[in-house]
Amino acid sequence: MHDENASKPQVIVFTGLPGTGKSTLSERLSRATGVPVFAADWLMGSLVPHGVLNDLAFEKYLALHDGLMETLIVRQLRLEQSAITDCVVDDATAKRWEGIAAEYGARLRVVECTCSDTALHRSRVEGRVRGIPGWHEIDWAHVEHMRTELPPFTLERLTVDAVDPLEANMDKIRDYLSR
């Protein structure tokens, strides 16, 4: 993001479990700043009709997912432009992307999206239809599985809670990115 406080590009990563607001917040930031948002579910969904993901081991799936996202990040940085991602990342991926950003004189900023109210979180997941071509809808069992499989994110980040009003979270994000 370019503004008077940050003349260098930023890689802004929205991460967290499904249904915690990653897409809503990243898309809102993208519309406000003109910075493109790259959403992993849309990217991976585009591969489904071509059979690329058929019988792909989970480790290879993650490598493909991260590699495709990295390619888009690098492309933006080569253009001396910021990028926003909407995807789940772990500490190792964030560290790698931080190194890539640094190579281009950019900063990596992570926004971890959470939802502290389990009933609200579940209703958000069960009540949404994203309609991503080629991609499946996520159910609550998938979210619970991800919660147990994903290691907690421990690196420097801003954490926002879906319980809080959307505009309050956007204000926190804008403040975080301008520092």
C-alpha atoms as a PDB file:
ATOM      1  CA  MET A   1       0.000   0.000   0.000  1.00  0.00           C
ATOM      2  CA  HIS A   2       1.381   3.402  -0.883  1.00  0.00           C
ATOM      3  CA  ASP A   3       0.637   6.429   1.278  1.00  0.00           C
ATOM      4  CA  GLU A   4       2.486   9.345   2.850  1.00  0.00           C
ATOM      5  CA  ASN A   5       3.744   7.091   5.668  1.00  0.00           C
ATOM      6  CA  ALA A   6       4.823   4.142   3.542  1.00  0.00           C
ATOM      7  CA  SER A   7       6.546   4.817   0.238  1.00  0.00           C
ATOM      8  CA  LYS A   8       7.517   1.168  -0.145  1.00  0.00           C
ATOM      9  CA  PRO A   9       5.199  -1.605  -1.237  1.00  0.00           C
ATOM     10  CA  GLN A  10       3.682  -3.947   1.324  1.00  0.00           C
ATOM     11  CA  VAL A  11       2.612  -7.568   1.164  1.00  0.00           C
ATOM     12  CA  ILE A  12      -0.514  -7.691   3.292  1.00  0.00           C
ATOM     13  CA  VAL A  13      -1.494 -11.220   4.295  1.00  0.00           C
ATOM     14  CA  PHE A  14      -4.968 -11.930   5.668  1.00  0.00           C
ATOM     15  CA  THR A  15      -4.931 -15.316   7.400  1.00  0.00           C
ATOM     16  CA  GLY A  16      -7.161 -17.277   9.745  1.00  0.00           C
ATOM     17  CA  LEU A  17      -9.723 -20.028   9.732  1.00  0.00           C
ATOM     18  CA  PRO A  18     -12.554 -20.001   7.190  1.00  0.00           C
ATOM     19  CA  GLY A  19     -15.452 -17.779   8.232  1.00  0.00           C
ATOM     20  CA  THR A  20     -13.397 -15.287  10.242  1.00  0.00           C
ATOM     21  CA  GLY A  21     -13.574 -12.424   7.747  1.00  0.00           C
ATOM     22  CA  LYS A  22     -10.421 -12.748   5.626  1.00  0.00           C
ATOM     23  CA  SER A  23     -12.191 -12.275   2.322  1.00  0.00           C
ATOM     24  CA  THR A  24     -14.494  -9.503   3.518  1.00  0.00           C
ATOM     25  CA  LEU A  25     -11.650  -7.482   5.032  1.00  0.00           C
ATOM     26  CA  SER A  26      -9.121  -8.101   2.256  1.00  0.00           C
ATOM     27  CA  GLU A  27     -11.650  -7.205  -0.449  1.00  0.00           C
ATOM     28  CA  ARG A  28     -12.698  -4.071   1.415  1.00  0.00           C
ATOM     29  CA  LEU A  29      -9.034  -3.012   1.727  1.00  0.00           C
ATOM     30  CA  SER A  30      -8.454  -3.787  -1.947  1.00  0.00           C
ATOM     31  CA  ARG A  31     -11.389  -1.629  -3.031  1.00  0.00           C
ATOM     32  CA  ALA A  32     -10.229   1.244  -0.802  1.00  0.00           C
ATOM     33  CA  THR A  33      -6.585   1.164  -1.928  1.00  0.00           C
ATOM     34  CA  GLY A  34      -6.618  -0.231  -5.456  1.00  0.00           C
ATOM     35  CA  VAL A  35      -4.149  -2.936  -4.363  1.00  0.00           C
ATOM     36  CA  PRO A  36      -5.065  -6.322  -5.878  1.00  0.00           C
ATOM     37  CA  VAL A  37      -6.149  -9.101  -3.563  1.00  0.00           C
ATOM     38  CA  PHE A  38      -5.161 -12.645  -4.466  1.00  0.00           C
ATOM     39  CA  ALA A  39      -7.545 -15.176  -2.926  1.00  0.00           C
ATOM     40  CA  ALA A  40      -6.216 -18.723  -2.617  1.00  0.00           C
ATOM     41  CA  ASP A  41      -9.651 -20.359  -2.881  1.00  0.00           C
ATOM     42  CA  TRP A  42     -10.298 -18.621  -6.208  1.00  0.00           C
ATOM     43  CA  LEU A  43      -6.853 -19.537  -7.478  1.00  0.00           C
ATOM     44  CA  MET A  44      -7.119 -23.179  -6.453  1.00  0.00           C
ATOM     45  CA  GLY A  45     -10.699 -23.376  -7.720  1.00  0.00           C
ATOM     46  CA  SER A  46      -9.478 -22.360 -11.168  1.00  0.00           C
ATOM     47  CA  LEU A  47      -7.339 -25.523 -11.251  1.00  0.00           C
ATOM     48  CA  VAL A  48     -10.153 -27.960 -10.442  1.00  0.00           C
ATOM     49  CA  PRO A  49     -11.627 -28.209 -13.976  1.00  0.00           C
ATOM     50  CA  HIS A  50      -8.175 -29.141 -15.289  1.00  0.00           C
ATOM     51  CA  GLY A  51      -7.717 -32.043 -12.877  1.00  0.00           C
ATOM     52  CA  VAL A  52      -4.549 -30.551 -11.409  1.00  0.00           C
ATOM     53  CA  LEU A  53      -5.677 -31.229  -7.833  1.00  0.00           C
ATOM     54  CA  ASN A  54      -6.911 -34.797  -8.448  1.00  0.00           C
ATOM     55  CA  ASP A  55      -5.205 -37.273  -6.123  1.00  0.00           C
ATOM     56  CA  LEU A  56      -2.702 -34.614  -5.042  1.00  0.00           C
ATOM     57  CA  ALA A  57      -1.070 -35.417  -1.694  1.00  0.00           C
ATOM     58  CA  PHE A  58      -1.678 -32.748   0.953  1.00  0.00           C
ATOM     59  CA  GLU A  59       2.003 -31.732   1.094  1.00  0.00           C
ATOM     60  CA  LYS A  60       2.069 -31.217  -2.680  1.00  0.00           C
ATOM     61  CA  TYR A  61      -1.210 -29.298  -2.482  1.00  0.00           C
ATOM     62  CA  LEU A  62       0.318 -26.932   0.098  1.00  0.00           C
ATOM     63  CA  ALA A  63       3.462 -26.488  -1.991  1.00  0.00           C
ATOM     64  CA  LEU A  64       1.353 -25.702  -5.062  1.00  0.00           C
ATOM     65  CA  HIS A  65      -0.881 -23.316  -3.092  1.00  0.00           C
ATOM     66  CA  ASP A  66       2.053 -21.442  -1.560  1.00  0.00           C
ATOM     67  CA  GLY A  67       4.038 -21.422  -4.804  1.00  0.00           C
ATOM     68  CA  LEU A  68       1.191 -19.925  -6.799  1.00  0.00           C
ATOM     69  CA  MET A  69       0.570 -17.261  -4.174  1.00  0.00           C
ATOM     70  CA  GLU A  70       4.300 -16.460  -4.027  1.00  0.00           C
ATOM     71  CA  THR A  71       4.410 -16.050  -7.795  1.00  0.00           C
ATOM     72  CA  LEU A  72       1.641 -13.455  -7.651  1.00  0.00           C
ATOM     73  CA  ILE A  73       3.359 -11.657  -4.766  1.00  0.00           C
ATOM     74  CA  VAL A  74       6.684 -11.545  -6.618  1.00  0.00           C
ATOM     75  CA  ARG A  75       4.980 -10.257  -9.758  1.00  0.00           C
ATOM     76  CA  GLN A  76       3.495  -7.332  -7.833  1.00  0.00           C
ATOM     77  CA  LEU A  77       6.780  -6.596  -6.081  1.00  0.00           C
ATOM     78  CA  ARG A  78       8.669  -6.598  -9.395  1.00  0.00           C
ATOM     79  CA  LEU A  79       6.229  -3.920 -10.500  1.00  0.00           C
ATOM     80  CA  GLU A  80       7.058  -2.052  -7.266  1.00  0.00           C
ATOM     81  CA  GLN A  81       3.457  -2.506  -6.175  1.00  0.00           C
ATOM     82  CA  SER A  82       1.782  -3.883  -3.076  1.00  0.00           C
ATOM     83  CA  ALA A  83      -0.188  -7.119  -2.895  1.00  0.00           C
ATOM     84  CA  ILE A  84      -2.933  -8.407  -0.607  1.00  0.00           C
ATOM     85  CA  THR A  85      -3.432 -12.132  -0.034  1.00  0.00           C
ATOM     86  CA  ASP A  86      -6.477 -13.950   1.315  1.00  0.00           C
ATOM     87  CA  CYS A  87      -5.227 -17.359   2.400  1.00  0.00           C
ATOM     88  CA  VAL A  88      -4.212 -19.492   5.354  1.00  0.00           C
ATOM     89  CA  VAL A  89      -0.500 -19.268   6.135  1.00  0.00           C
ATOM     90  CA  ASP A  90       1.716 -20.699   8.830  1.00  0.00           C
ATOM     91  CA  ASP A  91       4.802 -19.178  10.449  1.00  0.00           C
ATOM     92  CA  ALA A  92       7.199 -20.810   7.964  1.00  0.00           C
ATOM     93  CA  THR A  93       5.323 -19.489   4.937  1.00  0.00           C
ATOM     94  CA  ALA A  94       5.024 -16.015   6.439  1.00  0.00           C
ATOM     95  CA  LYS A  95       8.772 -15.983   7.185  1.00  0.00           C
ATOM     96  CA  ARG A  96       9.544 -17.022   3.607  1.00  0.00           C
ATOM     97  CA  TRP A  97       7.226 -14.343   2.219  1.00  0.00           C
ATOM     98  CA  GLU A  98       8.779 -11.792   4.576  1.00  0.00           C
ATOM     99  CA  GLY A  99      12.180 -12.615   3.053  1.00  0.00           C
ATOM    100  CA  ILE A 100      10.787 -12.283  -0.468  1.00  0.00           C
ATOM    101  CA  ALA A 101       9.246  -8.918   0.410  1.00  0.00           C
ATOM    102  CA  ALA A 102      12.536  -7.727   1.898  1.00  0.00           C
ATOM    103  CA  GLU A 103      14.367  -8.631  -1.327  1.00  0.00           C
ATOM    104  CA  TYR A 104      12.196  -6.018  -3.043  1.00  0.00           C
ATOM    105  CA  GLY A 105      12.412  -3.441  -0.270  1.00  0.00           C
ATOM    106  CA  ALA A 106       8.866  -4.201   0.861  1.00  0.00           C
ATOM    107  CA  ARG A 107       7.351  -5.117   4.220  1.00  0.00           C
ATOM    108  CA  LEU A 108       5.202  -8.110   5.046  1.00  0.00           C
ATOM    109  CA  ARG A 109       2.218  -7.264   7.247  1.00  0.00           C
ATOM    110  CA  VAL A 110      -0.008 -10.037   8.607  1.00  0.00           C
ATOM    111  CA  VAL A 111      -3.618  -9.613   9.688  1.00  0.00           C
ATOM    112  CA  GLU A 112      -4.895 -12.658  11.541  1.00  0.00           C
ATOM    113  CA  CYS A 113      -8.674 -12.924  11.443  1.00  0.00           C
ATOM    114  CA  THR A 114     -10.403 -14.695  14.319  1.00  0.00           C
ATOM    115  CA  CYS A 115     -13.906 -15.144  15.681  1.00  0.00           C
ATOM    116  CA  SER A 116     -14.083 -15.426  19.472  1.00  0.00           C
ATOM    117  CA  ASP A 117     -17.777 -16.389  19.467  1.00  0.00           C
ATOM    118  CA  THR A 118     -18.058 -20.035  18.406  1.00  0.00           C
ATOM    119  CA  ALA A 119     -21.795 -19.844  17.684  1.00  0.00           C
ATOM    120  CA  LEU A 120     -21.314 -16.759  15.491  1.00  0.00           C
ATOM    121  CA  HIS A 121     -18.345 -18.358  13.741  1.00  0.00           C
ATOM    122  CA  ARG A 122     -20.324 -21.509  12.993  1.00  0.00           C
ATOM    123  CA  SER A 123     -23.302 -19.512  11.694  1.00  0.00           C
ATOM    124  CA  ARG A 124     -20.992 -17.497   9.433  1.00  0.00           C
ATOM    125  CA  VAL A 125     -19.558 -20.693   7.938  1.00  0.00           C
ATOM    126  CA  GLU A 126     -22.861 -22.529   7.608  1.00  0.00           C
ATOM    127  CA  GLY A 127     -24.753 -19.522   6.278  1.00  0.00           C
ATOM    128  CA  ARG A 128     -22.459 -18.480   3.473  1.00  0.00           C
ATOM    129  CA  VAL A 129     -22.431 -19.380  -0.182  1.00  0.00           C
ATOM    130  CA  ARG A 130     -19.344 -17.998  -1.852  1.00  0.00           C
ATOM    131  CA  GLY A 131     -19.995 -19.448  -5.285  1.00  0.00           C
ATOM    132  CA  ILE A 132     -16.327 -19.738  -6.241  1.00  0.00           C
ATOM    133  CA  PRO A 133     -16.176 -21.513  -9.626  1.00  0.00           C
ATOM    134  CA  GLY A 134     -14.697 -24.980  -9.233  1.00  0.00           C
ATOM    135  CA  TRP A 135     -14.374 -24.695  -5.456  1.00  0.00           C
ATOM    136  CA  HIS A 136     -16.345 -26.387  -2.694  1.00  0.00           C
ATOM    137  CA  GLU A 137     -18.182 -24.707   0.125  1.00  0.00           C
ATOM    138  CA  ILE A 138     -16.558 -25.134   3.527  1.00  0.00           C
ATOM    139  CA  ASP A 139     -18.600 -26.763   6.306  1.00  0.00           C
ATOM    140  CA  TRP A 140     -18.151 -26.507  10.074  1.00  0.00           C
ATOM    141  CA  ALA A 141     -16.505 -29.940  10.293  1.00  0.00           C
ATOM    142  CA  HIS A 142     -13.797 -28.686   7.922  1.00  0.00           C
ATOM    143  CA  VAL A 143     -13.201 -25.627  10.105  1.00  0.00           C
ATOM    144  CA  GLU A 144     -12.939 -27.817  13.217  1.00  0.00           C
ATOM    145  CA  HIS A 145     -10.484 -30.083  11.413  1.00  0.00           C
ATOM    146  CA  MET A 146      -8.367 -27.099  10.350  1.00  0.00           C
ATOM    147  CA  ARG A 147      -8.418 -25.764  13.919  1.00  0.00           C
ATOM    148  CA  THR A 148      -6.811 -28.971  15.182  1.00  0.00           C
ATOM    149  CA  GLU A 149      -4.368 -29.405  12.284  1.00  0.00           C
ATOM    150  CA  LEU A 150      -3.007 -25.883  11.897  1.00  0.00           C
ATOM    151  CA  PRO A 151      -0.289 -24.737  14.258  1.00  0.00           C
ATOM    152  CA  PRO A 152      -1.049 -21.418  15.961  1.00  0.00           C
ATOM    153  CA  PHE A 153       0.368 -18.381  14.180  1.00  0.00           C
ATOM    154  CA  THR A 154       3.022 -16.843  16.438  1.00  0.00           C
ATOM    155  CA  LEU A 155       4.773 -14.160  14.384  1.00  0.00           C
ATOM    156  CA  GLU A 156       4.176 -10.398  14.618  1.00  0.00           C
ATOM    157  CA  ARG A 157       0.698  -9.578  13.376  1.00  0.00           C
ATOM    158  CA  LEU A 158      -2.473  -7.629  13.949  1.00  0.00           C
ATOM    159  CA  THR A 159      -5.354  -9.761  15.212  1.00  0.00           C
ATOM    160  CA  VAL A 160      -8.923  -8.722  14.451  1.00  0.00           C
ATOM    161  CA  ASP A 161     -12.075 -10.423  15.729  1.00  0.00           C
ATOM    162  CA  ALA A 162     -15.166 -10.936  13.564  1.00  0.00           C
ATOM    163  CA  VAL A 163     -17.278 -10.175  16.646  1.00  0.00           C
ATOM    164  CA  ASP A 164     -16.172  -6.538  16.359  1.00  0.00           C
ATOM    165  CA  PRO A 165     -17.897  -4.216  13.864  1.00  0.00           C
ATOM    166  CA  LEU A 166     -16.478  -4.346  10.333  1.00  0.00           C
ATOM    167  CA  GLU A 167     -15.547  -0.652  10.313  1.00  0.00           C
ATOM    168  CA  ALA A 168     -13.777  -0.937  13.674  1.00  0.00           C
ATOM    169  CA  ASN A 169     -11.674  -3.779  12.268  1.00  0.00           C
ATOM    170  CA  MET A 170     -10.964  -1.764   9.111  1.00  0.00           C
ATOM    171  CA  ASP A 171      -9.809   1.170  11.266  1.00  0.00           C
ATOM    172  CA  LYS A 172      -7.441  -1.165  13.161  1.00  0.00           C
ATOM    173  CA  ILE A 173      -6.093  -2.509   9.868  1.00  0.00           C
ATOM    174  CA  ARG A 174      -5.545   0.947   8.349  1.00  0.00           C
ATOM    175  CA  ASP A 175      -3.758   2.046  11.538  1.00  0.00           C
ATOM    176  CA  TYR A 176      -1.571  -1.086  11.543  1.00  0.00           C
ATOM    177  CA  LEU A 177      -0.602  -0.653   7.900  1.00  0.00           C
ATOM    178  CA  SER A 178       0.258   3.012   8.277  1.00  0.00           C
ATOM    179  CA  ARG A 179       2.764   2.381  11.102  1.00  0.00           C
END
